[in-house]
Amino acid sequence: LANELNDFLEDNKIDGPYILVGHSLGG
């Protein structure tokens, strides 16, 4: 799940840095 988030951001060329907001399992 964490690697797929990284892949999603990289594949869509969404460069950081990031603030991450996570609910429940997202935490």
PDB file of all heavy atoms in Angstrom:
ATOM      1  N   LEU A   1       0.832  -1.208   0.000  1.00  0.00           N
ATOM      2  CA  LEU A   1       0.000   0.000   0.000  1.00  0.00           C
ATOM      3  C   LEU A   1       0.864   1.254   0.000  1.00  0.00           C
ATOM      4  O   LEU A   1       0.575   2.219  -0.729  1.00  0.00           O
ATOM      5  CB  LEU A   1      -0.937  -0.007   1.205  1.00  0.00           C
ATOM      6  CG  LEU A   1      -2.000  -1.112   1.226  1.00  0.00           C
ATOM      7  CD1 LEU A   1      -2.821  -1.023   2.500  1.00  0.00           C
ATOM      8  CD2 LEU A   1      -2.905  -1.051   0.011  1.00  0.00           C
ATOM      9  N   ALA A   2       1.919   1.267   0.805  1.00  0.00           N
ATOM     10  CA  ALA A   2       2.794   2.441   0.851  1.00  0.00           C
ATOM     11  C   ALA A   2       3.573   2.594  -0.457  1.00  0.00           C
ATOM     12  O   ALA A   2       3.717   3.705  -0.978  1.00  0.00           O
ATOM     13  CB  ALA A   2       3.757   2.332   2.029  1.00  0.00           C
ATOM     14  N   ASN A   3       4.066   1.486  -0.998  1.00  0.00           N
ATOM     15  CA  ASN A   3       4.815   1.553  -2.249  1.00  0.00           C
ATOM     16  C   ASN A   3       3.919   1.947  -3.416  1.00  0.00           C
ATOM     17  O   ASN A   3       4.360   2.662  -4.332  1.00  0.00           O
ATOM     18  CB  ASN A   3       5.489   0.212  -2.528  1.00  0.00           C
ATOM     19  CG  ASN A   3       6.647  -0.071  -1.602  1.00  0.00           C
ATOM     20  OD1 ASN A   3       7.284   0.855  -1.091  1.00  0.00           O
ATOM     21  ND2 ASN A   3       6.931  -1.336  -1.362  1.00  0.00           N
ATOM     22  N   GLU A   4       2.672   1.499  -3.389  1.00  0.00           N
ATOM     23  CA  GLU A   4       1.750   1.873  -4.456  1.00  0.00           C
ATOM     24  C   GLU A   4       1.405   3.356  -4.403  1.00  0.00           C
ATOM     25  O   GLU A   4       1.211   3.994  -5.451  1.00  0.00           O
ATOM     26  CB  GLU A   4       0.485   1.016  -4.381  1.00  0.00           C
ATOM     27  CG  GLU A   4       0.723  -0.417  -4.848  1.00  0.00           C
ATOM     28  CD  GLU A   4      -0.385  -1.378  -4.463  1.00  0.00           C
ATOM     29  OE1 GLU A   4      -1.447  -0.914  -3.991  1.00  0.00           O
ATOM     30  OE2 GLU A   4      -0.187  -2.594  -4.625  1.00  0.00           O
ATOM     31  N   LEU A   5       1.343   3.928  -3.211  1.00  0.00           N
ATOM     32  CA  LEU A   5       1.156   5.374  -3.105  1.00  0.00           C
ATOM     33  C   LEU A   5       2.357   6.086  -3.716  1.00  0.00           C
ATOM     34  O   LEU A   5       2.192   7.042  -4.484  1.00  0.00           O
ATOM     35  CB  LEU A   5       0.973   5.790  -1.647  1.00  0.00           C
ATOM     36  CG  LEU A   5       0.997   7.294  -1.367  1.00  0.00           C
ATOM     37  CD1 LEU A   5      -0.056   8.034  -2.199  1.00  0.00           C
ATOM     38  CD2 LEU A   5       0.792   7.571   0.122  1.00  0.00           C
ATOM     39  N   ASN A   6       3.548   5.622  -3.412  1.00  0.00           N
ATOM     40  CA  ASN A   6       4.739   6.235  -3.986  1.00  0.00           C
ATOM     41  C   ASN A   6       4.758   6.103  -5.507  1.00  0.00           C
ATOM     42  O   ASN A   6       5.077   7.062  -6.228  1.00  0.00           O
ATOM     43  CB  ASN A   6       5.993   5.599  -3.392  1.00  0.00           C
ATOM     44  CG  ASN A   6       7.253   6.312  -3.820  1.00  0.00           C
ATOM     45  OD1 ASN A   6       7.447   7.497  -3.557  1.00  0.00           O
ATOM     46  ND2 ASN A   6       8.136   5.593  -4.504  1.00  0.00           N
ATOM     47  N   ASP A   7       4.382   4.926  -5.997  1.00  0.00           N
ATOM     48  CA  ASP A   7       4.328   4.713  -7.445  1.00  0.00           C
ATOM     49  C   ASP A   7       3.311   5.646  -8.098  1.00  0.00           C
ATOM     50  O   ASP A   7       3.574   6.214  -9.170  1.00  0.00           O
ATOM     51  CB  ASP A   7       3.957   3.262  -7.756  1.00  0.00           C
ATOM     52  CG  ASP A   7       5.047   2.269  -7.375  1.00  0.00           C
ATOM     53  OD1 ASP A   7       6.201   2.704  -7.162  1.00  0.00           O
ATOM     54  OD2 ASP A   7       4.729   1.069  -7.272  1.00  0.00           O
ATOM     55  N   PHE A   8       2.161   5.805  -7.459  1.00  0.00           N
ATOM     56  CA  PHE A   8       1.117   6.694  -7.990  1.00  0.00           C
ATOM     57  C   PHE A   8       1.642   8.121  -8.108  1.00  0.00           C
ATOM     58  O   PHE A   8       1.453   8.787  -9.137  1.00  0.00           O
ATOM     59  CB  PHE A   8      -0.106   6.643  -7.077  1.00  0.00           C
ATOM     60  CG  PHE A   8      -1.115   7.725  -7.335  1.00  0.00           C
ATOM     61  CD1 PHE A   8      -2.002   7.640  -8.396  1.00  0.00           C
ATOM     62  CD2 PHE A   8      -1.181   8.849  -6.506  1.00  0.00           C
ATOM     63  CE1 PHE A   8      -2.929   8.651  -8.630  1.00  0.00           C
ATOM     64  CE2 PHE A   8      -2.102   9.856  -6.734  1.00  0.00           C
ATOM     65  CZ  PHE A   8      -2.981   9.753  -7.809  1.00  0.00           C
ATOM     66  N   LEU A   9       2.301   8.594  -7.067  1.00  0.00           N
ATOM     67  CA  LEU A   9       2.823   9.959  -7.085  1.00  0.00           C
ATOM     68  C   LEU A   9       3.924  10.119  -8.135  1.00  0.00           C
ATOM     69  O   LEU A   9       3.954  11.114  -8.874  1.00  0.00           O
ATOM     70  CB  LEU A   9       3.347  10.326  -5.698  1.00  0.00           C
ATOM     71  CG  LEU A   9       2.289  10.403  -4.588  1.00  0.00           C
ATOM     72  CD1 LEU A   9       2.955  10.516  -3.224  1.00  0.00           C
ATOM     73  CD2 LEU A   9       1.324  11.558  -4.804  1.00  0.00           C
ATOM     74  N   GLU A  10       4.802   9.146  -8.224  1.00  0.00           N
ATOM     75  CA  GLU A  10       5.889   9.233  -9.202  1.00  0.00           C
ATOM     76  C   GLU A  10       5.374   9.104 -10.626  1.00  0.00           C
ATOM     77  O   GLU A  10       5.796   9.849 -11.530  1.00  0.00           O
ATOM     78  CB  GLU A  10       6.934   8.154  -8.920  1.00  0.00           C
ATOM     79  CG  GLU A  10       7.743   8.418  -7.653  1.00  0.00           C
ATOM     80  CD  GLU A  10       8.950   7.506  -7.527  1.00  0.00           C
ATOM     81  OE1 GLU A  10       9.013   6.489  -8.262  1.00  0.00           O
ATOM     82  OE2 GLU A  10       9.833   7.813  -6.702  1.00  0.00           O
ATOM     83  N   ASP A  11       4.462   8.150 -10.860  1.00  0.00           N
ATOM     84  CA  ASP A  11       3.933   7.936 -12.210  1.00  0.00           C
ATOM     85  C   ASP A  11       3.193   9.166 -12.728  1.00  0.00           C
ATOM     86  O   ASP A  11       3.188   9.440 -13.937  1.00  0.00           O
ATOM     87  CB  ASP A  11       2.996   6.731 -12.238  1.00  0.00           C
ATOM     88  CG  ASP A  11       3.729   5.411 -12.034  1.00  0.00           C
ATOM     89  OD1 ASP A  11       4.971   5.409 -12.119  1.00  0.00           O
ATOM     90  OD2 ASP A  11       3.056   4.398 -11.766  1.00  0.00           O
ATOM     91  N   ASN A  12       2.562   9.900 -11.807  1.00  0.00           N
ATOM     92  CA  ASN A  12       1.815  11.094 -12.202  1.00  0.00           C
ATOM     93  C   ASN A  12       2.645  12.366 -12.057  1.00  0.00           C
ATOM     94  O   ASN A  12       2.108  13.469 -12.176  1.00  0.00           O
ATOM     95  CB  ASN A  12       0.529  11.189 -11.381  1.00  0.00           C
ATOM     96  CG  ASN A  12      -0.504  10.162 -11.789  1.00  0.00           C
ATOM     97  OD1 ASN A  12      -1.213  10.336 -12.768  1.00  0.00           O
ATOM     98  ND2 ASN A  12      -0.573   9.060 -11.053  1.00  0.00           N
ATOM     99  N   LYS A  13       3.959  12.160 -11.801  1.00  0.00           N
ATOM    100  CA  LYS A  13       4.904  13.285 -11.708  1.00  0.00           C
ATOM    101  C   LYS A  13       4.436  14.350 -10.699  1.00  0.00           C
ATOM    102  O   LYS A  13       4.476  15.546 -10.952  1.00  0.00           O
ATOM    103  CB  LYS A  13       5.133  13.907 -13.081  1.00  0.00           C
ATOM    104  CG  LYS A  13       5.804  12.948 -14.064  1.00  0.00           C
ATOM    105  CD  LYS A  13       5.996  13.574 -15.416  1.00  0.00           C
ATOM    106  CE  LYS A  13       6.881  12.715 -16.323  1.00  0.00           C
ATOM    107  NZ  LYS A  13       6.518  11.293 -16.365  1.00  0.00           N
ATOM    108  N   ILE A  14       3.966  13.851  -9.561  1.00  0.00           N
ATOM    109  CA  ILE A  14       3.540  14.727  -8.472  1.00  0.00           C
ATOM    110  C   ILE A  14       4.693  14.805  -7.474  1.00  0.00           C
ATOM    111  O   ILE A  14       4.851  13.946  -6.606  1.00  0.00           O
ATOM    112  CB  ILE A  14       2.260  14.202  -7.797  1.00  0.00           C
ATOM    113  CG1 ILE A  14       1.145  14.026  -8.829  1.00  0.00           C
ATOM    114  CG2 ILE A  14       1.811  15.146  -6.684  1.00  0.00           C
ATOM    115  CD1 ILE A  14      -0.041  13.231  -8.337  1.00  0.00           C
ATOM    116  N   ASP A  15       5.519  15.799  -7.654  1.00  0.00           N
ATOM    117  CA  ASP A  15       6.709  15.921  -6.823  1.00  0.00           C
ATOM    118  C   ASP A  15       6.375  16.488  -5.451  1.00  0.00           C
ATOM    119  O   ASP A  15       5.498  17.344  -5.316  1.00  0.00           O
ATOM    120  CB  ASP A  15       7.736  16.822  -7.501  1.00  0.00           C
ATOM    121  CG  ASP A  15       8.224  16.244  -8.818  1.00  0.00           C
ATOM    122  OD1 ASP A  15       8.300  15.007  -8.916  1.00  0.00           O
ATOM    123  OD2 ASP A  15       8.501  17.022  -9.751  1.00  0.00           O
ATOM    124  N   GLY A  16       7.106  16.025  -4.460  1.00  0.00           N
ATOM    125  CA  GLY A  16       6.935  16.523  -3.106  1.00  0.00           C
ATOM    126  C   GLY A  16       7.678  17.822  -2.899  1.00  0.00           C
ATOM    127  O   GLY A  16       8.054  18.473  -3.870  1.00  0.00           O
ATOM    128  N   PRO A  17       7.890  18.185  -1.658  1.00  0.00           N
ATOM    129  CA  PRO A  17       7.592  17.379  -0.460  1.00  0.00           C
ATOM    130  C   PRO A  17       6.099  17.360  -0.140  1.00  0.00           C
ATOM    131  O   PRO A  17       5.343  18.199  -0.618  1.00  0.00           O
ATOM    132  CB  PRO A  17       8.384  18.081   0.640  1.00  0.00           C
ATOM    133  CG  PRO A  17       8.417  19.521   0.195  1.00  0.00           C
ATOM    134  CD  PRO A  17       8.523  19.470  -1.299  1.00  0.00           C
ATOM    135  N   TYR A  18       5.714  16.374   0.679  1.00  0.00           N
ATOM    136  CA  TYR A  18       4.307  16.133   0.956  1.00  0.00           C
ATOM    137  C   TYR A  18       3.960  16.350   2.436  1.00  0.00           C
ATOM    138  O   TYR A  18       4.756  16.082   3.321  1.00  0.00           O
ATOM    139  CB  TYR A  18       3.924  14.690   0.617  1.00  0.00           C
ATOM    140  CG  TYR A  18       4.375  14.222  -0.739  1.00  0.00           C
ATOM    141  CD1 TYR A  18       5.339  13.214  -0.850  1.00  0.00           C
ATOM    142  CD2 TYR A  18       3.845  14.755  -1.911  1.00  0.00           C
ATOM    143  CE1 TYR A  18       5.763  12.751  -2.089  1.00  0.00           C
ATOM    144  CE2 TYR A  18       4.261  14.309  -3.157  1.00  0.00           C
ATOM    145  CZ  TYR A  18       5.221  13.308  -3.239  1.00  0.00           C
ATOM    146  OH  TYR A  18       5.649  12.854  -4.463  1.00  0.00           O
ATOM    147  N   ILE A  19       2.733  16.798   2.641  1.00  0.00           N
ATOM    148  CA  ILE A  19       2.039  16.626   3.915  1.00  0.00           C
ATOM    149  C   ILE A  19       1.047  15.507   3.677  1.00  0.00           C
ATOM    150  O   ILE A  19       0.234  15.577   2.755  1.00  0.00           O
ATOM    151  CB  ILE A  19       1.313  17.908   4.358  1.00  0.00           C
ATOM    152  CG1 ILE A  19       2.321  18.998   4.739  1.00  0.00           C
ATOM    153  CG2 ILE A  19       0.380  17.620   5.543  1.00  0.00           C
ATOM    154  CD1 ILE A  19       1.679  20.337   5.028  1.00  0.00           C
ATOM    155  N   LEU A  20       1.103  14.474   4.490  1.00  0.00           N
ATOM    156  CA  LEU A  20       0.211  13.333   4.326  1.00  0.00           C
ATOM    157  C   LEU A  20      -0.888  13.386   5.379  1.00  0.00           C
ATOM    158  O   LEU A  20      -0.623  13.609   6.558  1.00  0.00           O
ATOM    159  CB  LEU A  20       0.983  12.022   4.461  1.00  0.00           C
ATOM    160  CG  LEU A  20       2.159  11.812   3.496  1.00  0.00           C
ATOM    161  CD1 LEU A  20       2.808  10.452   3.762  1.00  0.00           C
ATOM    162  CD2 LEU A  20       1.710  11.908   2.047  1.00  0.00           C
ATOM    163  N   VAL A  21      -2.123  13.177   4.919  1.00  0.00           N
ATOM    164  CA  VAL A  21      -3.289  13.180   5.799  1.00  0.00           C
ATOM    165  C   VAL A  21      -3.938  11.804   5.704  1.00  0.00           C
ATOM    166  O   VAL A  21      -4.355  11.383   4.617  1.00  0.00           O
ATOM    167  CB  VAL A  21      -4.307  14.268   5.391  1.00  0.00           C
ATOM    168  CG1 VAL A  21      -5.483  14.289   6.365  1.00  0.00           C
ATOM    169  CG2 VAL A  21      -3.635  15.630   5.314  1.00  0.00           C
ATOM    170  N   GLY A  22      -4.015  11.082   6.818  1.00  0.00           N
ATOM    171  CA  GLY A  22      -4.539   9.726   6.773  1.00  0.00           C
ATOM    172  C   GLY A  22      -5.618   9.472   7.803  1.00  0.00           C
ATOM    173  O   GLY A  22      -5.458   9.801   8.974  1.00  0.00           O
ATOM    174  N   HIS A  23      -6.719   8.876   7.342  1.00  0.00           N
ATOM    175  CA  HIS A  23      -7.811   8.490   8.241  1.00  0.00           C
ATOM    176  C   HIS A  23      -7.780   6.980   8.467  1.00  0.00           C
ATOM    177  O   HIS A  23      -7.603   6.210   7.530  1.00  0.00           O
ATOM    178  CB  HIS A  23      -9.163   8.889   7.633  1.00  0.00           C
ATOM    179  CG  HIS A  23     -10.345   8.292   8.351  1.00  0.00           C
ATOM    180  ND1 HIS A  23     -11.183   7.369   7.785  1.00  0.00           N
ATOM    181  CD2 HIS A  23     -10.804   8.486   9.615  1.00  0.00           C
ATOM    182  CE1 HIS A  23     -12.123   7.027   8.643  1.00  0.00           C
ATOM    183  NE2 HIS A  23     -11.914   7.684   9.768  1.00  0.00           N
ATOM    184  N   SER A  24      -7.938   6.569   9.728  1.00  0.00           N
ATOM    185  CA  SER A  24      -8.103   5.160  10.086  1.00  0.00           C
ATOM    186  C   SER A  24      -6.947   4.336   9.529  1.00  0.00           C
ATOM    187  O   SER A  24      -5.778   4.592   9.849  1.00  0.00           O
ATOM    188  CB  SER A  24      -9.459   4.664   9.573  1.00  0.00           C
ATOM    189  OG  SER A  24      -9.813   3.438  10.153  1.00  0.00           O
ATOM    190  N   LEU A  25      -7.223   3.340   8.681  1.00  0.00           N
ATOM    191  CA  LEU A  25      -6.166   2.549   8.057  1.00  0.00           C
ATOM    192  C   LEU A  25      -5.178   3.435   7.305  1.00  0.00           C
ATOM    193  O   LEU A  25      -3.980   3.117   7.221  1.00  0.00           O
ATOM    194  CB  LEU A  25      -6.777   1.527   7.094  1.00  0.00           C
ATOM    195  CG  LEU A  25      -5.808   0.741   6.212  1.00  0.00           C
ATOM    196  CD1 LEU A  25      -4.891  -0.124   7.048  1.00  0.00           C
ATOM    197  CD2 LEU A  25      -6.563  -0.090   5.190  1.00  0.00           C
ATOM    198  N   GLY A  26      -5.657   4.552   6.792  1.00  0.00           N
ATOM    199  CA  GLY A  26      -4.762   5.492   6.129  1.00  0.00           C
ATOM    200  C   GLY A  26      -3.645   5.971   7.039  1.00  0.00           C
ATOM    201  O   GLY A  26      -2.576   6.368   6.562  1.00  0.00           O
ATOM    202  N   GLY A  27      -3.877   5.932   8.345  1.00  0.00           N
ATOM    203  CA  GLY A  27      -2.823   6.288   9.297  1.00  0.00           C
ATOM    204  C   GLY A  27      -1.647   5.324   9.223  1.00  0.00           C
ATOM    205  O   GLY A  27      -0.483   5.730   9.308  1.00  0.00           O
TER     206      GLY A  27
END
